[in-house]
Amino acid sequence: AAGDIPDLIVGPNAITDAEFAKFNGLFEDLTPLIEEHAPNVQTM
């Protein structure tokens, strides 16, 4: 609600799809970052 979150949040469904929708813009779309900086994620 305060919009004050750390760089990363870790945990099983710690942030849900519903919360991504409700707090639109608070979380980063990782797609371009995966393509540029995450070969392990791409392999997965």
PDB file of all heavy atoms in Angstrom:
ATOM      1  N   ALA A   1       0.828  -1.205   0.000  1.00  0.00           N
ATOM      2  CA  ALA A   1       0.000   0.000   0.000  1.00  0.00           C
ATOM      3  C   ALA A   1       0.864   1.258   0.000  1.00  0.00           C
ATOM      4  O   ALA A   1       0.519   2.264  -0.634  1.00  0.00           O
ATOM      5  CB  ALA A   1      -0.931   0.000   1.212  1.00  0.00           C
ATOM      6  N   ALA A   2       2.004   1.190   0.693  1.00  0.00           N
ATOM      7  CA  ALA A   2       2.915   2.336   0.753  1.00  0.00           C
ATOM      8  C   ALA A   2       3.772   2.443  -0.496  1.00  0.00           C
ATOM      9  O   ALA A   2       4.394   3.486  -0.740  1.00  0.00           O
ATOM     10  CB  ALA A   2       3.806   2.219   1.985  1.00  0.00           C
ATOM     11  N   GLY A   3       3.818   1.375  -1.290  1.00  0.00           N
ATOM     12  CA  GLY A   3       4.639   1.378  -2.501  1.00  0.00           C
ATOM     13  C   GLY A   3       6.118   1.369  -2.228  1.00  0.00           C
ATOM     14  O   GLY A   3       6.930   1.731  -3.086  1.00  0.00           O
ATOM     15  N   ASP A   4       6.483   0.938  -1.023  1.00  0.00           N
ATOM     16  CA  ASP A   4       7.887   0.953  -0.611  1.00  0.00           C
ATOM     17  C   ASP A   4       8.379  -0.484  -0.457  1.00  0.00           C
ATOM     18  O   ASP A   4       8.192  -1.102   0.589  1.00  0.00           O
ATOM     19  CB  ASP A   4       8.030   1.712   0.704  1.00  0.00           C
ATOM     20  CG  ASP A   4       9.480   1.837   1.157  1.00  0.00           C
ATOM     21  OD1 ASP A   4      10.372   1.626   0.315  1.00  0.00           O
ATOM     22  OD2 ASP A   4       9.709   2.132   2.345  1.00  0.00           O
ATOM     23  N   ILE A   5       8.986  -1.023  -1.514  1.00  0.00           N
ATOM     24  CA  ILE A   5       9.424  -2.411  -1.491  1.00  0.00           C
ATOM     25  C   ILE A   5      10.924  -2.482  -1.791  1.00  0.00           C
ATOM     26  O   ILE A   5      11.490  -1.599  -2.422  1.00  0.00           O
ATOM     27  CB  ILE A   5       8.641  -3.267  -2.502  1.00  0.00           C
ATOM     28  CG1 ILE A   5       8.891  -2.791  -3.942  1.00  0.00           C
ATOM     29  CG2 ILE A   5       7.155  -3.255  -2.189  1.00  0.00           C
ATOM     30  CD1 ILE A   5       8.253  -3.686  -4.993  1.00  0.00           C
ATOM     31  N   PRO A   6      11.583  -3.560  -1.339  1.00  0.00           N
ATOM     32  CA  PRO A   6      13.012  -3.715  -1.604  1.00  0.00           C
ATOM     33  C   PRO A   6      13.277  -4.085  -3.062  1.00  0.00           C
ATOM     34  O   PRO A   6      12.344  -4.327  -3.838  1.00  0.00           O
ATOM     35  CB  PRO A   6      13.411  -4.848  -0.654  1.00  0.00           C
ATOM     36  CG  PRO A   6      12.164  -5.647  -0.479  1.00  0.00           C
ATOM     37  CD  PRO A   6      11.040  -4.646  -0.512  1.00  0.00           C
ATOM     38  N   ASP A   7      14.552  -4.166  -3.419  1.00  0.00           N
ATOM     39  CA  ASP A   7      14.919  -4.532  -4.789  1.00  0.00           C
ATOM     40  C   ASP A   7      14.342  -5.888  -5.176  1.00  0.00           C
ATOM     41  O   ASP A   7      13.862  -6.079  -6.295  1.00  0.00           O
ATOM     42  CB  ASP A   7      16.447  -4.579  -4.929  1.00  0.00           C
ATOM     43  CG  ASP A   7      17.091  -3.210  -4.788  1.00  0.00           C
ATOM     44  OD1 ASP A   7      16.619  -2.269  -5.446  1.00  0.00           O
ATOM     45  OD2 ASP A   7      18.059  -3.084  -4.030  1.00  0.00           O
ATOM     46  N   LEU A   8      14.396  -6.851  -4.239  1.00  0.00           N
ATOM     47  CA  LEU A   8      13.936  -8.213  -4.518  1.00  0.00           C
ATOM     48  C   LEU A   8      13.049  -8.711  -3.390  1.00  0.00           C
ATOM     49  O   LEU A   8      13.267  -8.371  -2.217  1.00  0.00           O
ATOM     50  CB  LEU A   8      15.129  -9.163  -4.673  1.00  0.00           C
ATOM     51  CG  LEU A   8      16.104  -8.880  -5.818  1.00  0.00           C
ATOM     52  CD1 LEU A   8      17.343  -9.756  -5.683  1.00  0.00           C
ATOM     53  CD2 LEU A   8      15.440  -9.110  -7.168  1.00  0.00           C
ATOM     54  N   ILE A   9      12.064  -9.524  -3.738  1.00  0.00           N
ATOM     55  CA  ILE A   9      11.242 -10.224  -2.755  1.00  0.00           C
ATOM     56  C   ILE A   9      11.278 -11.705  -3.107  1.00  0.00           C
ATOM     57  O   ILE A   9      11.035 -12.082  -4.256  1.00  0.00           O
ATOM     58  CB  ILE A   9       9.797  -9.710  -2.748  1.00  0.00           C
ATOM     59  CG1 ILE A   9       9.766  -8.245  -2.302  1.00  0.00           C
ATOM     60  CG2 ILE A   9       8.921 -10.558  -1.825  1.00  0.00           C
ATOM     61  CD1 ILE A   9       8.382  -7.620  -2.320  1.00  0.00           C
ATOM     62  N   VAL A  10      11.599 -12.549  -2.129  1.00  0.00           N
ATOM     63  CA  VAL A  10      11.767 -13.985  -2.344  1.00  0.00           C
ATOM     64  C   VAL A  10      10.795 -14.753  -1.464  1.00  0.00           C
ATOM     65  O   VAL A  10      10.617 -14.436  -0.283  1.00  0.00           O
ATOM     66  CB  VAL A  10      13.211 -14.421  -2.016  1.00  0.00           C
ATOM     67  CG1 VAL A  10      13.373 -15.933  -2.199  1.00  0.00           C
ATOM     68  CG2 VAL A  10      14.220 -13.669  -2.880  1.00  0.00           C
ATOM     69  N   GLY A  11      10.188 -15.788  -2.026  1.00  0.00           N
ATOM     70  CA  GLY A  11       9.297 -16.646  -1.249  1.00  0.00           C
ATOM     71  C   GLY A  11       8.218 -17.219  -2.131  1.00  0.00           C
ATOM     72  O   GLY A  11       7.857 -16.619  -3.150  1.00  0.00           O
ATOM     73  N   PRO A  12       7.671 -18.391  -1.786  1.00  0.00           N
ATOM     74  CA  PRO A  12       6.661 -19.039  -2.635  1.00  0.00           C
ATOM     75  C   PRO A  12       5.380 -18.228  -2.735  1.00  0.00           C
ATOM     76  O   PRO A  12       4.660 -18.070  -1.756  1.00  0.00           O
ATOM     77  CB  PRO A  12       6.431 -20.384  -1.924  1.00  0.00           C
ATOM     78  CG  PRO A  12       6.873 -20.161  -0.518  1.00  0.00           C
ATOM     79  CD  PRO A  12       7.965 -19.157  -0.578  1.00  0.00           C
ATOM     80  N   ASN A  13       5.146 -17.686  -3.929  1.00  0.00           N
ATOM     81  CA  ASN A  13       3.968 -16.855  -4.184  1.00  0.00           C
ATOM     82  C   ASN A  13       3.858 -15.734  -3.155  1.00  0.00           C
ATOM     83  O   ASN A  13       2.750 -15.343  -2.754  1.00  0.00           O
ATOM     84  CB  ASN A  13       2.690 -17.695  -4.192  1.00  0.00           C
ATOM     85  CG  ASN A  13       1.663 -17.175  -5.184  1.00  0.00           C
ATOM     86  OD1 ASN A  13       1.989 -16.454  -6.124  1.00  0.00           O
ATOM     87  ND2 ASN A  13       0.417 -17.544  -4.974  1.00  0.00           N
ATOM     88  N   ALA A  14       5.020 -15.224  -2.730  1.00  0.00           N
ATOM     89  CA  ALA A  14       5.038 -14.146  -1.740  1.00  0.00           C
ATOM     90  C   ALA A  14       4.274 -12.948  -2.260  1.00  0.00           C
ATOM     91  O   ALA A  14       3.598 -12.236  -1.518  1.00  0.00           O
ATOM     92  CB  ALA A  14       6.485 -13.769  -1.404  1.00  0.00           C
ATOM     93  N   ILE A  15       4.391 -12.694  -3.557  1.00  0.00           N
ATOM     94  CA  ILE A  15       3.555 -11.710  -4.240  1.00  0.00           C
ATOM     95  C   ILE A  15       2.749 -12.475  -5.285  1.00  0.00           C
ATOM     96  O   ILE A  15       3.307 -13.184  -6.114  1.00  0.00           O
ATOM     97  CB  ILE A  15       4.404 -10.618  -4.927  1.00  0.00           C
ATOM     98  CG1 ILE A  15       5.347  -9.947  -3.930  1.00  0.00           C
ATOM     99  CG2 ILE A  15       3.490  -9.588  -5.585  1.00  0.00           C
ATOM    100  CD1 ILE A  15       4.656  -9.184  -2.811  1.00  0.00           C
ATOM    101  N   THR A  16       1.444 -12.355  -5.233  1.00  0.00           N
ATOM    102  CA  THR A  16       0.570 -13.152  -6.094  1.00  0.00           C
ATOM    103  C   THR A  16       0.264 -12.439  -7.406  1.00  0.00           C
ATOM    104  O   THR A  16       0.469 -11.226  -7.538  1.00  0.00           O
ATOM    105  CB  THR A  16      -0.750 -13.454  -5.376  1.00  0.00           C
ATOM    106  OG1 THR A  16      -1.463 -12.214  -5.195  1.00  0.00           O
ATOM    107  CG2 THR A  16      -0.506 -14.106  -4.022  1.00  0.00           C
ATOM    108  N   ASP A  17      -0.251 -13.195  -8.368  1.00  0.00           N
ATOM    109  CA  ASP A  17      -0.684 -12.593  -9.633  1.00  0.00           C
ATOM    110  C   ASP A  17      -1.723 -11.501  -9.383  1.00  0.00           C
ATOM    111  O   ASP A  17      -1.724 -10.466 -10.063  1.00  0.00           O
ATOM    112  CB  ASP A  17      -1.279 -13.664 -10.554  1.00  0.00           C
ATOM    113  CG  ASP A  17      -0.218 -14.567 -11.160  1.00  0.00           C
ATOM    114  OD1 ASP A  17       0.980 -14.263 -11.015  1.00  0.00           O
ATOM    115  OD2 ASP A  17      -0.592 -15.584 -11.772  1.00  0.00           O
ATOM    116  N   ALA A  18      -2.608 -11.741  -8.426  1.00  0.00           N
ATOM    117  CA  ALA A  18      -3.640 -10.746  -8.114  1.00  0.00           C
ATOM    118  C   ALA A  18      -3.007  -9.453  -7.620  1.00  0.00           C
ATOM    119  O   ALA A  18      -3.491  -8.349  -7.933  1.00  0.00           O
ATOM    120  CB  ALA A  18      -4.599 -11.301  -7.064  1.00  0.00           C
ATOM    121  N   GLU A  19      -1.925  -9.563  -6.877  1.00  0.00           N
ATOM    122  CA  GLU A  19      -1.257  -8.366  -6.356  1.00  0.00           C
ATOM    123  C   GLU A  19      -0.459  -7.649  -7.446  1.00  0.00           C
ATOM    124  O   GLU A  19      -0.315  -6.430  -7.419  1.00  0.00           O
ATOM    125  CB  GLU A  19      -0.379  -8.742  -5.166  1.00  0.00           C
ATOM    126  CG  GLU A  19      -1.208  -9.053  -3.933  1.00  0.00           C
ATOM    127  CD  GLU A  19      -0.483  -9.859  -2.882  1.00  0.00           C
ATOM    128  OE1 GLU A  19       0.542 -10.517  -3.200  1.00  0.00           O
ATOM    129  OE2 GLU A  19      -0.944  -9.858  -1.733  1.00  0.00           O
ATOM    130  N   PHE A  20       0.062  -8.408  -8.407  1.00  0.00           N
ATOM    131  CA  PHE A  20       0.692  -7.753  -9.563  1.00  0.00           C
ATOM    132  C   PHE A  20      -0.330  -6.865 -10.271  1.00  0.00           C
ATOM    133  O   PHE A  20      -0.015  -5.762 -10.730  1.00  0.00           O
ATOM    134  CB  PHE A  20       1.227  -8.789 -10.559  1.00  0.00           C
ATOM    135  CG  PHE A  20       2.422  -9.570 -10.062  1.00  0.00           C
ATOM    136  CD1 PHE A  20       2.558 -10.916 -10.376  1.00  0.00           C
ATOM    137  CD2 PHE A  20       3.415  -8.963  -9.316  1.00  0.00           C
ATOM    138  CE1 PHE A  20       3.656 -11.634  -9.941  1.00  0.00           C
ATOM    139  CE2 PHE A  20       4.526  -9.669  -8.874  1.00  0.00           C
ATOM    140  CZ  PHE A  20       4.642 -11.016  -9.187  1.00  0.00           C
ATOM    141  N   ALA A  21      -1.557  -7.375 -10.365  1.00  0.00           N
ATOM    142  CA  ALA A  21      -2.610  -6.615 -11.038  1.00  0.00           C
ATOM    143  C   ALA A  21      -3.062  -5.425 -10.203  1.00  0.00           C
ATOM    144  O   ALA A  21      -3.239  -4.314 -10.715  1.00  0.00           O
ATOM    145  CB  ALA A  21      -3.801  -7.526 -11.331  1.00  0.00           C
ATOM    146  N   LYS A  22      -3.224  -5.657  -8.910  1.00  0.00           N
ATOM    147  CA  LYS A  22      -3.727  -4.607  -8.021  1.00  0.00           C
ATOM    148  C   LYS A  22      -2.725  -3.465  -7.879  1.00  0.00           C
ATOM    149  O   LYS A  22      -3.101  -2.285  -7.849  1.00  0.00           O
ATOM    150  CB  LYS A  22      -4.056  -5.191  -6.657  1.00  0.00           C
ATOM    151  CG  LYS A  22      -4.642  -4.194  -5.679  1.00  0.00           C
ATOM    152  CD  LYS A  22      -5.026  -4.875  -4.370  1.00  0.00           C
ATOM    153  CE  LYS A  22      -5.631  -3.875  -3.391  1.00  0.00           C
ATOM    154  NZ  LYS A  22      -6.002  -4.519  -2.104  1.00  0.00           N
ATOM    155  N   PHE A  23      -1.437  -3.820  -7.781  1.00  0.00           N
ATOM    156  CA  PHE A  23      -0.393  -2.812  -7.596  1.00  0.00           C
ATOM    157  C   PHE A  23       0.399  -2.664  -8.896  1.00  0.00           C
ATOM    158  O   PHE A  23       1.613  -2.866  -8.951  1.00  0.00           O
ATOM    159  CB  PHE A  23       0.504  -3.188  -6.420  1.00  0.00           C
ATOM    160  CG  PHE A  23      -0.243  -3.266  -5.113  1.00  0.00           C
ATOM    161  CD1 PHE A  23      -0.743  -4.485  -4.646  1.00  0.00           C
ATOM    162  CD2 PHE A  23      -0.480  -2.122  -4.375  1.00  0.00           C
ATOM    163  CE1 PHE A  23      -1.443  -4.553  -3.460  1.00  0.00           C
ATOM    164  CE2 PHE A  23      -1.190  -2.178  -3.171  1.00  0.00           C
ATOM    165  CZ  PHE A  23      -1.675  -3.397  -2.715  1.00  0.00           C
ATOM    166  N   ASN A  24      -0.346  -2.332  -9.926  1.00  0.00           N
ATOM    167  CA  ASN A  24       0.213  -2.212 -11.268  1.00  0.00           C
ATOM    168  C   ASN A  24       1.336  -1.172 -11.297  1.00  0.00           C
ATOM    169  O   ASN A  24       1.187  -0.058 -10.814  1.00  0.00           O
ATOM    170  CB  ASN A  24      -0.905  -1.809 -12.236  1.00  0.00           C
ATOM    171  CG  ASN A  24      -0.434  -1.795 -13.677  1.00  0.00           C
ATOM    172  OD1 ASN A  24       0.452  -2.548 -14.056  1.00  0.00           O
ATOM    173  ND2 ASN A  24      -1.028  -0.934 -14.477  1.00  0.00           N
ATOM    174  N   GLY A  25       2.484  -1.561 -11.857  1.00  0.00           N
ATOM    175  CA  GLY A  25       3.617  -0.655 -11.967  1.00  0.00           C
ATOM    176  C   GLY A  25       4.623  -0.755 -10.850  1.00  0.00           C
ATOM    177  O   GLY A  25       5.706  -0.165 -10.929  1.00  0.00           O
ATOM    178  N   LEU A  26       4.285  -1.510  -9.795  1.00  0.00           N
ATOM    179  CA  LEU A  26       5.198  -1.613  -8.647  1.00  0.00           C
ATOM    180  C   LEU A  26       6.312  -2.626  -8.893  1.00  0.00           C
ATOM    181  O   LEU A  26       7.403  -2.519  -8.322  1.00  0.00           O
ATOM    182  CB  LEU A  26       4.405  -1.998  -7.397  1.00  0.00           C
ATOM    183  CG  LEU A  26       5.090  -1.808  -6.034  1.00  0.00           C
ATOM    184  CD1 LEU A  26       5.571  -0.380  -5.850  1.00  0.00           C
ATOM    185  CD2 LEU A  26       4.135  -2.204  -4.911  1.00  0.00           C
ATOM    186  N   PHE A  27       6.036  -3.608  -9.791  1.00  0.00           N
ATOM    187  CA  PHE A  27       7.009  -4.671 -10.046  1.00  0.00           C
ATOM    188  C   PHE A  27       7.518  -4.623 -11.481  1.00  0.00           C
ATOM    189  O   PHE A  27       6.790  -4.261 -12.404  1.00  0.00           O
ATOM    190  CB  PHE A  27       6.397  -6.038  -9.724  1.00  0.00           C
ATOM    191  CG  PHE A  27       6.076  -6.196  -8.269  1.00  0.00           C
ATOM    192  CD1 PHE A  27       4.821  -5.872  -7.785  1.00  0.00           C
ATOM    193  CD2 PHE A  27       7.045  -6.623  -7.377  1.00  0.00           C
ATOM    194  CE1 PHE A  27       4.528  -5.971  -6.436  1.00  0.00           C
ATOM    195  CE2 PHE A  27       6.759  -6.742  -6.027  1.00  0.00           C
ATOM    196  CZ  PHE A  27       5.507  -6.416  -5.544  1.00  0.00           C
ATOM    197  N   GLU A  28       8.769  -5.015 -11.651  1.00  0.00           N
ATOM    198  CA  GLU A  28       9.450  -4.927 -12.939  1.00  0.00           C
ATOM    199  C   GLU A  28       9.082  -6.090 -13.853  1.00  0.00           C
ATOM    200  O   GLU A  28       9.051  -7.252 -13.412  1.00  0.00           O
ATOM    201  CB  GLU A  28      10.966  -4.932 -12.712  1.00  0.00           C
ATOM    202  CG  GLU A  28      11.794  -4.803 -13.961  1.00  0.00           C
ATOM    203  CD  GLU A  28      11.779  -3.409 -14.558  1.00  0.00           C
ATOM    204  OE1 GLU A  28      11.222  -2.480 -13.918  1.00  0.00           O
ATOM    205  OE2 GLU A  28      12.336  -3.234 -15.659  1.00  0.00           O
ATOM    206  N   ASP A  29       8.784  -5.794 -15.110  1.00  0.00           N
ATOM    207  CA  ASP A  29       8.658  -6.842 -16.125  1.00  0.00           C
ATOM    208  C   ASP A  29      10.078  -7.321 -16.438  1.00  0.00           C
ATOM    209  O   ASP A  29      10.901  -6.571 -16.974  1.00  0.00           O
ATOM    210  CB  ASP A  29       7.983  -6.292 -17.371  1.00  0.00           C
ATOM    211  CG  ASP A  29       7.844  -7.339 -18.473  1.00  0.00           C
ATOM    212  OD1 ASP A  29       8.228  -8.506 -18.246  1.00  0.00           O
ATOM    213  OD2 ASP A  29       7.366  -6.985 -19.562  1.00  0.00           O
ATOM    214  N   LEU A  30      10.362  -8.578 -16.111  1.00  0.00           N
ATOM    215  CA  LEU A  30      11.729  -9.093 -16.200  1.00  0.00           C
ATOM    216  C   LEU A  30      12.133  -9.534 -17.604  1.00  0.00           C
ATOM    217  O   LEU A  30      13.294  -9.892 -17.825  1.00  0.00           O
ATOM    218  CB  LEU A  30      11.890 -10.280 -15.237  1.00  0.00           C
ATOM    219  CG  LEU A  30      11.619  -9.989 -13.752  1.00  0.00           C
ATOM    220  CD1 LEU A  30      11.715 -11.276 -12.950  1.00  0.00           C
ATOM    221  CD2 LEU A  30      12.573  -8.949 -13.212  1.00  0.00           C
ATOM    222  N   THR A  31      11.206  -9.517 -18.540  1.00  0.00           N
ATOM    223  CA  THR A  31      11.463 -10.082 -19.871  1.00  0.00           C
ATOM    224  C   THR A  31      12.747  -9.559 -20.516  1.00  0.00           C
ATOM    225  O   THR A  31      13.614 -10.366 -20.904  1.00  0.00           O
ATOM    226  CB  THR A  31      10.264  -9.846 -20.796  1.00  0.00           C
ATOM    227  OG1 THR A  31       9.074 -10.330 -20.166  1.00  0.00           O
ATOM    228  CG2 THR A  31      10.457 -10.560 -22.124  1.00  0.00           C
ATOM    229  N   PRO A  32      12.941  -8.241 -20.678  1.00  0.00           N
ATOM    230  CA  PRO A  32      14.171  -7.770 -21.325  1.00  0.00           C
ATOM    231  C   PRO A  32      15.423  -8.058 -20.512  1.00  0.00           C
ATOM    232  O   PRO A  32      16.490  -8.317 -21.075  1.00  0.00           O
ATOM    233  CB  PRO A  32      13.931  -6.262 -21.481  1.00  0.00           C
ATOM    234  CG  PRO A  32      12.874  -5.916 -20.503  1.00  0.00           C
ATOM    235  CD  PRO A  32      12.011  -7.124 -20.377  1.00  0.00           C
ATOM    236  N   LEU A  33      15.312  -8.025 -19.188  1.00  0.00           N
ATOM    237  CA  LEU A  33      16.463  -8.308 -18.333  1.00  0.00           C
ATOM    238  C   LEU A  33      16.890  -9.777 -18.456  1.00  0.00           C
ATOM    239  O   LEU A  33      18.079 -10.092 -18.428  1.00  0.00           O
ATOM    240  CB  LEU A  33      16.137  -7.980 -16.879  1.00  0.00           C
ATOM    241  CG  LEU A  33      16.013  -6.489 -16.545  1.00  0.00           C
ATOM    242  CD1 LEU A  33      15.381  -6.286 -15.174  1.00  0.00           C
ATOM    243  CD2 LEU A  33      17.376  -5.818 -16.603  1.00  0.00           C
ATOM    244  N   ILE A  34      15.919 -10.655 -18.600  1.00  0.00           N
ATOM    245  CA  ILE A  34      16.236 -12.083 -18.781  1.00  0.00           C
ATOM    246  C   ILE A  34      17.010 -12.272 -20.085  1.00  0.00           C
ATOM    247  O   ILE A  34      18.011 -12.997 -20.131  1.00  0.00           O
ATOM    248  CB  ILE A  34      14.940 -12.927 -18.788  1.00  0.00           C
ATOM    249  CG1 ILE A  34      14.307 -12.932 -17.388  1.00  0.00           C
ATOM    250  CG2 ILE A  34      15.219 -14.357 -19.256  1.00  0.00           C
ATOM    251  CD1 ILE A  34      12.916 -13.533 -17.342  1.00  0.00           C
ATOM    252  N   GLU A  35      16.559 -11.615 -21.137  1.00  0.00           N
ATOM    253  CA  GLU A  35      17.207 -11.751 -22.442  1.00  0.00           C
ATOM    254  C   GLU A  35      18.641 -11.238 -22.429  1.00  0.00           C
ATOM    255  O   GLU A  35      19.516 -11.784 -23.111  1.00  0.00           O
ATOM    256  CB  GLU A  35      16.392 -10.995 -23.491  1.00  0.00           C
ATOM    257  CG  GLU A  35      15.012 -11.599 -23.738  1.00  0.00           C
ATOM    258  CD  GLU A  35      14.160 -10.738 -24.657  1.00  0.00           C
ATOM    259  OE1 GLU A  35      14.634  -9.635 -25.031  1.00  0.00           O
ATOM    260  OE2 GLU A  35      13.029 -11.143 -24.984  1.00  0.00           O
ATOM    261  N   GLU A  36      18.917 -10.230 -21.618  1.00  0.00           N
ATOM    262  CA  GLU A  36      20.239  -9.602 -21.625  1.00  0.00           C
ATOM    263  C   GLU A  36      21.186 -10.138 -20.550  1.00  0.00           C
ATOM    264  O   GLU A  36      22.397 -10.157 -20.757  1.00  0.00           O
ATOM    265  CB  GLU A  36      20.072  -8.084 -21.433  1.00  0.00           C
ATOM    266  CG  GLU A  36      19.352  -7.395 -22.585  1.00  0.00           C
ATOM    267  CD  GLU A  36      19.159  -5.914 -22.320  1.00  0.00           C
ATOM    268  OE1 GLU A  36      19.923  -5.361 -21.500  1.00  0.00           O
ATOM    269  OE2 GLU A  36      18.256  -5.316 -22.923  1.00  0.00           O
ATOM    270  N   HIS A  37      20.630 -10.563 -19.393  1.00  0.00           N
ATOM    271  CA  HIS A  37      21.507 -10.828 -18.254  1.00  0.00           C
ATOM    272  C   HIS A  37      21.245 -12.163 -17.552  1.00  0.00           C
ATOM    273  O   HIS A  37      21.820 -12.393 -16.486  1.00  0.00           O
ATOM    274  CB  HIS A  37      21.360  -9.707 -17.215  1.00  0.00           C
ATOM    275  CG  HIS A  37      21.614  -8.343 -17.768  1.00  0.00           C
ATOM    276  ND1 HIS A  37      22.873  -7.917 -18.143  1.00  0.00           N
ATOM    277  CD2 HIS A  37      20.760  -7.312 -18.011  1.00  0.00           C
ATOM    278  CE1 HIS A  37      22.789  -6.679 -18.587  1.00  0.00           C
ATOM    279  NE2 HIS A  37      21.524  -6.282 -18.534  1.00  0.00           N
ATOM    280  N   ALA A  38      20.416 -13.038 -18.096  1.00  0.00           N
ATOM    281  CA  ALA A  38      20.062 -14.256 -17.361  1.00  0.00           C
ATOM    282  C   ALA A  38      20.081 -15.496 -18.251  1.00  0.00           C
ATOM    283  O   ALA A  38      19.040 -16.084 -18.545  1.00  0.00           O
ATOM    284  CB  ALA A  38      18.688 -14.091 -16.713  1.00  0.00           C
ATOM    285  N   PRO A  39      21.262 -15.941 -18.671  1.00  0.00           N
ATOM    286  CA  PRO A  39      21.335 -17.141 -19.520  1.00  0.00           C
ATOM    287  C   PRO A  39      20.813 -18.401 -18.838  1.00  0.00           C
ATOM    288  O   PRO A  39      20.266 -19.283 -19.505  1.00  0.00           O
ATOM    289  CB  PRO A  39      22.829 -17.255 -19.835  1.00  0.00           C
ATOM    290  CG  PRO A  39      23.519 -16.461 -18.779  1.00  0.00           C
ATOM    291  CD  PRO A  39      22.587 -15.349 -18.442  1.00  0.00           C
ATOM    292  N   ASN A  40      20.966 -18.494 -17.506  1.00  0.00           N
ATOM    293  CA  ASN A  40      20.448 -19.672 -16.802  1.00  0.00           C
ATOM    294  C   ASN A  40      18.926 -19.732 -16.856  1.00  0.00           C
ATOM    295  O   ASN A  40      18.333 -20.807 -17.007  1.00  0.00           O
ATOM    296  CB  ASN A  40      20.913 -19.666 -15.341  1.00  0.00           C
ATOM    297  CG  ASN A  40      22.403 -19.896 -15.202  1.00  0.00           C
ATOM    298  OD1 ASN A  40      23.016 -20.572 -16.028  1.00  0.00           O
ATOM    299  ND2 ASN A  40      22.996 -19.333 -14.163  1.00  0.00           N
ATOM    300  N   VAL A  41      18.287 -18.577 -16.729  1.00  0.00           N
ATOM    301  CA  VAL A  41      16.831 -18.518 -16.818  1.00  0.00           C
ATOM    302  C   VAL A  41      16.383 -18.858 -18.236  1.00  0.00           C
ATOM    303  O   VAL A  41      15.406 -19.596 -18.442  1.00  0.00           O
ATOM    304  CB  VAL A  41      16.309 -17.130 -16.395  1.00  0.00           C
ATOM    305  CG1 VAL A  41      14.788 -17.054 -16.567  1.00  0.00           C
ATOM    306  CG2 VAL A  41      16.689 -16.833 -14.951  1.00  0.00           C
ATOM    307  N   GLN A  42      17.107 -18.366 -19.230  1.00  0.00           N
ATOM    308  CA  GLN A  42      16.781 -18.682 -20.614  1.00  0.00           C
ATOM    309  C   GLN A  42      16.876 -20.186 -20.866  1.00  0.00           C
ATOM    310  O   GLN A  42      16.005 -20.776 -21.521  1.00  0.00           O
ATOM    311  CB  GLN A  42      17.728 -17.943 -21.555  1.00  0.00           C
ATOM    312  CG  GLN A  42      17.553 -16.431 -21.557  1.00  0.00           C
ATOM    313  CD  GLN A  42      18.547 -15.744 -22.475  1.00  0.00           C
ATOM    314  OE1 GLN A  42      18.613 -16.052 -23.664  1.00  0.00           O
ATOM    315  NE2 GLN A  42      19.328 -14.817 -21.948  1.00  0.00           N
ATOM    316  N   THR A  43      17.933 -20.810 -20.346  1.00  0.00           N
ATOM    317  CA  THR A  43      18.093 -22.259 -20.511  1.00  0.00           C
ATOM    318  C   THR A  43      16.944 -23.011 -19.851  1.00  0.00           C
ATOM    319  O   THR A  43      16.409 -23.980 -20.408  1.00  0.00           O
ATOM    320  CB  THR A  43      19.429 -22.716 -19.905  1.00  0.00           C
ATOM    321  OG1 THR A  43      20.498 -22.077 -20.603  1.00  0.00           O
ATOM    322  CG2 THR A  43      19.593 -24.225 -20.010  1.00  0.00           C
ATOM    323  N   MET A  44      16.558 -22.571 -18.666  1.00  0.00           N
ATOM    324  CA  MET A  44      15.432 -23.189 -17.962  1.00  0.00           C
ATOM    325  C   MET A  44      14.169 -23.129 -18.812  1.00  0.00           C
ATOM    326  O   MET A  44      13.457 -24.137 -18.963  1.00  0.00           O
ATOM    327  CB  MET A  44      15.203 -22.482 -16.625  1.00  0.00           C
ATOM    328  CG  MET A  44      13.952 -22.921 -15.887  1.00  0.00           C
ATOM    329  SD  MET A  44      13.735 -22.083 -14.294  1.00  0.00           S
ATOM    330  CE  MET A  44      13.352 -20.403 -14.834  1.00  0.00           C
TER     331      MET A  44
END
